[in-house]
Protein backbone atom coordinates (compact mmCIF):
# COMPACT_ATOMS: atom_id res chain seq x y z
CA MET A 1 116.22 -2.45 42.39
CA LYS A 2 116.63 -5.64 40.41
CA LYS A 3 119.76 -6.04 38.34
CA GLN A 4 119.20 -5.75 34.60
CA GLU A 5 121.20 -7.61 32.03
CA ILE A 6 121.95 -6.27 28.57
CA ILE A 7 122.99 -8.69 25.86
CA GLU A 8 123.99 -7.14 22.55
CA ILE A 9 123.13 -9.31 19.57
CA THR A 10 123.72 -8.14 16.02
CA THR A 11 121.33 -9.46 13.40
CA PRO A 12 121.50 -8.92 9.61
CA GLU A 13 119.68 -5.84 8.37
CA MET A 14 116.37 -6.28 6.59
CA PRO A 15 114.09 -3.85 4.74
CA LYS A 16 113.33 -1.05 7.19
CA ASP A 17 110.16 0.18 5.52
CA ASN A 18 108.29 -3.09 5.99
CA PRO A 19 105.62 -2.65 8.71
CA ASP A 20 105.90 -6.36 9.56
CA LEU A 21 109.34 -5.69 11.00
CA LYS A 22 107.94 -3.58 13.81
CA VAL A 23 108.23 -5.55 17.02
CA ASP A 24 105.47 -5.62 19.59
CA ILE A 25 107.16 -5.15 22.97
CA SER A 26 104.80 -7.73 24.44
CA GLU A 27 106.48 -10.36 22.28
CA VAL A 28 109.90 -9.89 23.83
CA TYR A 29 109.22 -8.97 27.45
CA PHE A 30 106.74 -9.83 30.14
CA GLU A 31 106.34 -8.90 33.78
CA SER A 32 104.25 -10.95 36.18
CA ALA A 33 101.32 -9.01 37.54
CA ASN A 34 101.10 -8.43 41.28
CA GLN A 35 98.63 -10.73 42.97
CA THR A 36 95.76 -9.14 44.87
CA LYS A 37 94.17 -11.01 47.74
CA ASN A 38 90.43 -11.14 47.27
CA TYR A 39 88.80 -13.86 49.31
CA HIS A 40 85.08 -14.39 48.77
CA PHE A 41 83.93 -14.35 52.40
CA SER A 42 81.21 -11.74 52.68
CA PRO A 43 78.53 -11.02 55.28
CA SER A 44 76.09 -10.39 52.44
CA ILE A 45 76.39 -13.99 51.19
CA THR A 46 74.10 -15.90 53.52
CA SER A 47 71.75 -18.09 51.50
CA GLN A 48 72.55 -21.60 50.34
CA ASP A 49 72.04 -20.66 46.67
CA GLU A 50 74.41 -17.67 46.94
CA LYS A 51 77.11 -19.81 48.53
CA ARG A 52 76.76 -22.53 45.91
CA GLU A 53 77.02 -19.92 43.15
CA GLN A 54 80.15 -18.45 44.76
CA ILE A 55 81.69 -21.90 45.14
CA ASN A 56 81.20 -22.59 41.41
CA ILE A 57 82.67 -19.20 40.46
CA ASP A 58 85.73 -19.58 42.69
CA LEU A 59 86.55 -23.12 41.61
CA ALA A 60 86.16 -22.16 37.96
CA ASN A 61 88.53 -19.21 38.42
CA PHE A 62 90.96 -21.14 40.57
CA GLU A 63 92.12 -23.44 37.79
CA GLU A 64 93.68 -20.48 35.97
CA LYS A 65 95.41 -19.34 39.15
CA LEU A 66 96.68 -22.86 39.74
CA THR A 67 98.06 -23.03 36.21
CA THR A 68 99.94 -19.76 36.78
CA MET A 69 101.38 -21.04 40.01
CA LEU A 70 102.39 -24.41 38.54
CA HIS A 71 104.12 -22.66 35.64
CA LEU A 72 106.21 -20.64 38.09
CA TYR A 73 106.92 -23.72 40.18
CA HIS A 74 108.10 -25.81 37.23
CA PHE A 75 110.09 -22.87 35.89
CA PHE A 76 112.09 -22.80 39.12
CA ASN A 77 112.41 -26.58 39.10
CA LEU A 78 113.88 -26.48 35.60
CA PHE A 79 116.61 -24.06 36.69
CA SER A 80 117.20 -25.67 40.08
CA VAL A 81 120.21 -27.47 38.60
CA ALA A 82 121.87 -24.07 38.26
CA VAL A 83 121.60 -23.23 41.96
CA VAL A 84 125.13 -23.17 43.38
CA ASP A 85 124.33 -22.65 47.08
CA LYS A 86 122.94 -26.12 47.79
CA GLU A 87 123.29 -26.03 51.57
CA THR A 88 119.82 -24.67 52.33
CA PHE A 89 118.29 -24.99 48.87
CA THR A 90 117.53 -28.71 49.05
CA SER A 91 115.45 -28.27 52.20
CA ALA A 92 113.63 -25.22 50.81
CA GLN A 93 112.90 -27.07 47.56
CA LYS A 94 111.41 -30.03 49.43
CA ASP A 95 109.14 -27.68 51.37
CA ILE A 96 107.93 -25.99 48.18
CA ASP A 97 107.36 -29.39 46.54
CA LYS A 98 105.26 -30.48 49.52
CA TYR A 99 103.18 -27.29 49.63
CA VAL A 100 102.49 -27.35 45.89
CA MET A 101 101.38 -30.98 45.96
CA GLN A 102 99.13 -30.26 48.95
CA LEU A 103 97.47 -27.39 47.10
CA VAL A 104 96.90 -29.47 43.97
CA LYS A 105 95.41 -32.33 45.99
CA LYS A 106 93.20 -29.95 47.99
CA TYR A 107 91.89 -28.34 44.80
CA GLU A 108 91.13 -31.71 43.21
CA ALA A 109 89.36 -32.88 46.37
CA LEU A 110 87.20 -29.74 46.56
CA LYS A 111 86.36 -29.93 42.88
CA LYS A 112 85.28 -33.53 43.36
CA ALA A 113 83.25 -32.59 46.44
CA ASN A 114 81.51 -29.79 44.54
CA ASN A 115 80.60 -32.16 41.69
CA SER A 116 79.20 -34.54 44.29
CA LEU A 117 77.04 -31.77 45.76
CA LYS A 118 75.65 -30.97 42.32
CA ARG A 119 74.38 -34.54 42.02
CA LYS A 120 72.66 -34.58 45.40
CA LYS A 121 68.91 -33.98 45.41
CA LEU A 122 68.89 -32.86 49.03
CA LEU A 123 71.53 -30.52 50.43
CA THR A 124 71.83 -29.41 54.02
CA GLU A 125 72.99 -25.94 55.01
CA GLU A 126 75.95 -27.55 56.79
CA MET A 127 77.20 -29.27 53.59
CA VAL A 128 77.18 -26.06 51.57
CA HIS A 129 78.56 -23.94 54.41
CA GLU A 130 81.53 -26.27 54.97
CA LEU A 131 82.47 -26.40 51.29
CA TYR A 132 82.05 -22.63 50.96
CA TYR A 133 84.62 -21.95 53.66
CA GLU A 134 86.98 -24.70 52.48
CA VAL A 135 87.10 -23.10 49.04
CA GLY A 136 87.85 -19.79 50.74
CA ASP A 137 90.70 -21.46 52.62
CA LEU A 138 91.96 -22.77 49.28
CA GLU A 139 92.26 -19.18 48.04
CA LYS A 140 94.18 -18.20 51.16
CA TYR A 141 96.49 -21.20 50.80
CA TYR A 142 97.16 -20.21 47.19
CA TYR A 143 98.16 -16.62 47.99
CA ASP A 144 100.31 -17.75 50.90
CA LEU A 145 102.08 -20.20 48.60
CA MET A 146 102.61 -17.50 45.96
CA GLU A 147 104.30 -15.41 48.65
CA ASP A 148 106.48 -18.40 49.51
CA LEU A 149 107.41 -18.78 45.83
CA THR A 150 108.26 -15.07 45.64
CA ASN A 151 110.61 -15.42 48.61
CA TYR A 152 111.97 -18.67 47.13
CA LYS A 153 112.84 -16.77 43.97
CA LYS A 154 114.52 -13.95 45.89
CA ASP A 155 116.62 -16.43 47.84
CA TYR A 156 117.68 -18.82 45.11
CA PHE A 157 116.82 -17.32 41.69
CA PRO A 158 117.41 -13.57 42.18
CA ASN A 159 118.85 -12.63 38.79
CA LEU A 160 117.50 -15.01 36.18
CA LYS A 161 118.19 -13.80 32.66
CA MET A 162 115.50 -12.51 30.34
CA ALA A 163 116.41 -15.18 27.77
CA SER A 164 115.40 -17.86 30.31
CA TYR A 165 112.11 -16.10 31.09
CA ALA A 166 111.37 -15.61 27.39
CA PHE A 167 111.93 -19.27 26.56
CA CYS A 168 109.82 -20.60 29.44
CA ASN A 169 107.03 -18.06 28.96
CA GLU A 170 106.23 -19.72 25.64
CA LYS A 171 105.82 -23.15 27.25
CA THR A 172 103.09 -24.78 29.30
CA TYR A 173 103.94 -25.97 32.79
CA GLN A 174 103.56 -29.56 31.52
CA GLU A 175 106.24 -28.87 28.91
CA LEU A 176 108.52 -27.35 31.55
CA GLU A 177 108.06 -30.48 33.64
CA GLU A 178 109.11 -32.61 30.68
CA TYR A 179 112.17 -30.42 30.07
CA THR A 180 113.16 -30.86 33.71
CA LYS A 181 113.00 -34.66 33.36
CA TYR A 182 115.08 -34.48 30.18
CA VAL A 183 117.71 -32.18 31.70
CA THR A 184 118.03 -34.27 34.86
CA ASP A 185 118.51 -37.43 32.81
CA GLU A 186 120.85 -35.81 30.29
CA ILE A 187 123.16 -34.15 32.81
CA SER A 188 123.44 -37.42 34.73
CA LYS A 189 125.29 -38.81 31.67
CA TYR A 190 128.13 -36.38 32.31
CA SER A 191 130.37 -35.74 35.28
CA SER A 192 129.02 -32.19 35.66
CA LEU A 193 126.75 -29.52 34.19
CA GLN A 194 129.91 -27.92 32.79
CA ASP A 195 130.72 -31.06 30.78
CA ALA A 196 127.14 -31.29 29.49
CA TYR A 197 127.26 -27.65 28.41
CA ASP A 198 130.63 -28.06 26.68
CA TYR A 199 129.39 -31.10 24.79
CA VAL A 200 126.29 -29.25 23.57
CA CYS A 201 128.34 -26.23 22.41
CA TYR A 202 130.88 -28.37 20.56
CA HIS A 203 128.59 -31.02 19.07
CA SER A 204 125.39 -29.25 17.99
CA GLY A 205 126.58 -27.86 14.66
CA GLU A 206 125.04 -30.59 12.53
CA LEU A 207 121.69 -30.37 14.35
CA ILE A 208 121.63 -26.56 14.05
CA THR A 209 122.29 -26.70 10.31
CA LYS A 210 119.70 -29.46 9.87
CA THR A 211 117.04 -27.44 11.72
CA ILE A 212 117.65 -24.32 9.64
CA THR A 213 117.70 -26.34 6.43
CA ASN A 214 114.33 -27.91 7.30
CA LEU A 215 112.89 -24.48 8.12
CA LEU A 216 114.08 -23.06 4.81
CA ALA A 217 112.68 -26.07 2.95
CA PHE A 218 109.28 -25.36 4.50
CA MET A 219 109.50 -21.71 3.46
CA LYS A 220 110.47 -22.57 -0.12
CA ARG A 221 107.30 -24.62 -0.52
CA GLY A 222 105.43 -21.33 -0.39
CA LEU A 223 103.77 -22.04 2.94
CA THR A 224 105.34 -19.08 4.71
CA LYS A 225 103.57 -15.73 4.58
CA ASN A 226 104.99 -12.28 3.93
CA TYR A 227 108.62 -11.31 3.39
CA VAL A 228 110.12 -14.11 5.51
CA SER A 229 110.08 -16.43 2.50
CA ASN A 230 113.02 -14.39 1.16
CA PHE A 231 115.30 -15.36 4.04
CA THR A 232 118.32 -17.56 3.38
CA ILE A 233 120.61 -19.59 5.60
CA ASP A 234 122.88 -16.53 5.84
CA TYR A 235 120.25 -14.80 7.96
CA PHE A 236 120.43 -17.52 10.59
CA LEU A 237 124.06 -18.59 10.45
CA GLU A 238 127.35 -16.79 9.94
CA ASN A 239 128.90 -20.01 8.70
CA GLU A 240 127.36 -23.35 7.78
CA ILE A 241 130.35 -25.11 9.32
CA ILE A 242 129.89 -24.73 13.08
CA MET A 243 132.78 -25.66 15.35
CA TYR A 244 131.53 -24.09 18.59
CA TYR A 245 128.31 -22.30 19.50
CA ASP A 246 128.41 -20.14 22.63
CA TYR A 247 125.62 -18.64 24.75
CA SER A 248 125.09 -15.39 22.83
CA LYS A 249 124.97 -17.25 19.50
CA TRP A 250 122.34 -19.66 20.86
CA ILE A 251 120.18 -16.74 22.00
CA GLY A 252 120.58 -15.00 18.65
CA LEU A 253 119.74 -18.20 16.75
CA PHE A 254 116.55 -18.90 18.70
CA SER A 255 115.48 -15.26 18.51
CA LYS A 256 115.65 -15.47 14.72
CA ILE A 257 114.04 -18.92 14.43
CA ASN A 258 111.15 -18.01 16.73
CA TYR A 259 110.65 -14.68 14.98
CA VAL A 260 110.29 -16.47 11.63
CA ILE A 261 108.02 -19.13 13.16
CA LYS A 262 105.68 -16.45 14.52
CA LYS A 263 105.47 -14.87 11.06
CA SER A 264 104.98 -18.22 9.34
CA ASP A 265 101.91 -20.15 8.37
CA LYS A 266 100.58 -22.40 11.16
CA ALA A 267 101.22 -25.35 8.87
CA ILE A 268 104.82 -25.22 10.06
CA PHE A 269 103.73 -27.01 13.23
CA THR A 270 102.68 -30.00 11.14
CA ASP A 271 105.96 -30.17 9.26
CA LYS A 272 107.49 -33.30 10.81
CA ASN A 273 110.99 -32.71 9.46
CA PHE A 274 111.30 -29.23 10.95
CA ILE A 275 109.48 -29.89 14.22
CA SER A 276 111.48 -33.02 15.09
CA SER A 277 114.84 -31.30 14.60
CA TYR A 278 113.63 -28.08 16.25
CA GLN A 279 112.41 -29.88 19.37
CA GLU A 280 115.73 -31.72 19.64
CA LEU A 281 117.53 -28.39 19.30
CA GLU A 282 115.35 -26.89 22.04
CA HIS A 283 116.50 -29.59 24.43
CA LYS A 284 120.11 -28.58 23.78
CA TYR A 285 119.21 -24.92 24.21
CA VAL A 286 117.70 -25.58 27.63
CA ILE A 287 121.03 -26.95 28.88
CA VAL A 288 122.78 -23.84 27.53
CA LEU A 289 120.31 -21.59 29.38
CA ILE A 290 120.64 -23.51 32.63
CA TYR A 291 124.42 -23.53 32.57
CA ASN A 292 124.52 -19.78 32.01
CA GLU A 293 122.33 -19.20 35.06
CA CYS A 294 124.84 -20.74 37.47
CA HIS A 295 126.40 -17.47 38.58
CA THR A 296 123.09 -15.54 38.52
CA THR A 297 121.45 -17.90 41.03
CA ARG A 298 123.95 -16.94 43.73
CA ARG A 299 122.41 -15.04 46.60
CA ALA A 300 123.69 -11.53 47.32
């Protein structure tokens, strides 16, 4: 059974009779669904038209699968800095990198080949038959790679915290890739991940206060719906003067900020003052999350 982590965070009480305060469990927890192998090879599919139809269906569906896989891949890449047991990890990571790139290239090549077939006036049975089975092989390659990623997680990321999952689940894989580039560059400025983490905890007070102030300014303009417009800085911060912000406080802060954002008007995403400071704060938060995964990435 997987280890479960419980983090107790106390937040200020709010009106308990307000139905908007009820939390949908889907907003705070998610569990990846088990993959089911379902290749399209079938004795009943024999005609050229049936195979072409199946090729189009599979390639259209595959993009979503690929996005899911790339999200998982970049999620692990983001937290790879936290892996302590580097002896075998580097080799395993290179293998995963290679397999992922091969799958992406294969998918792009088959998609291009299918578009080429659509433009041809005359198609031979051999052309369609070859592409049909290559697309089927693509599906098999995908599920094999997902199994590799599952084993990769068990070996090197066995006990990642729910806060890390929750943060990354809200991001696209492209955003996770950008965070990885930022983290790699940022940590290189320090002698260690520990030093980077300490700096963030000791020197983020001004940015935290600025972000909350910009959020409250947005709310005061009457652009925020429902009861959240009544919140004050006291809801977010115990003290406006911040000397040191540890892991549990960062989690509590982002839980509150993101809760208010979800209840706010979508215009908040066009508020340049808030978004610029919030995005900068997110970069700091990522380093906090990564540092606090160091001991959880140890293999049993």
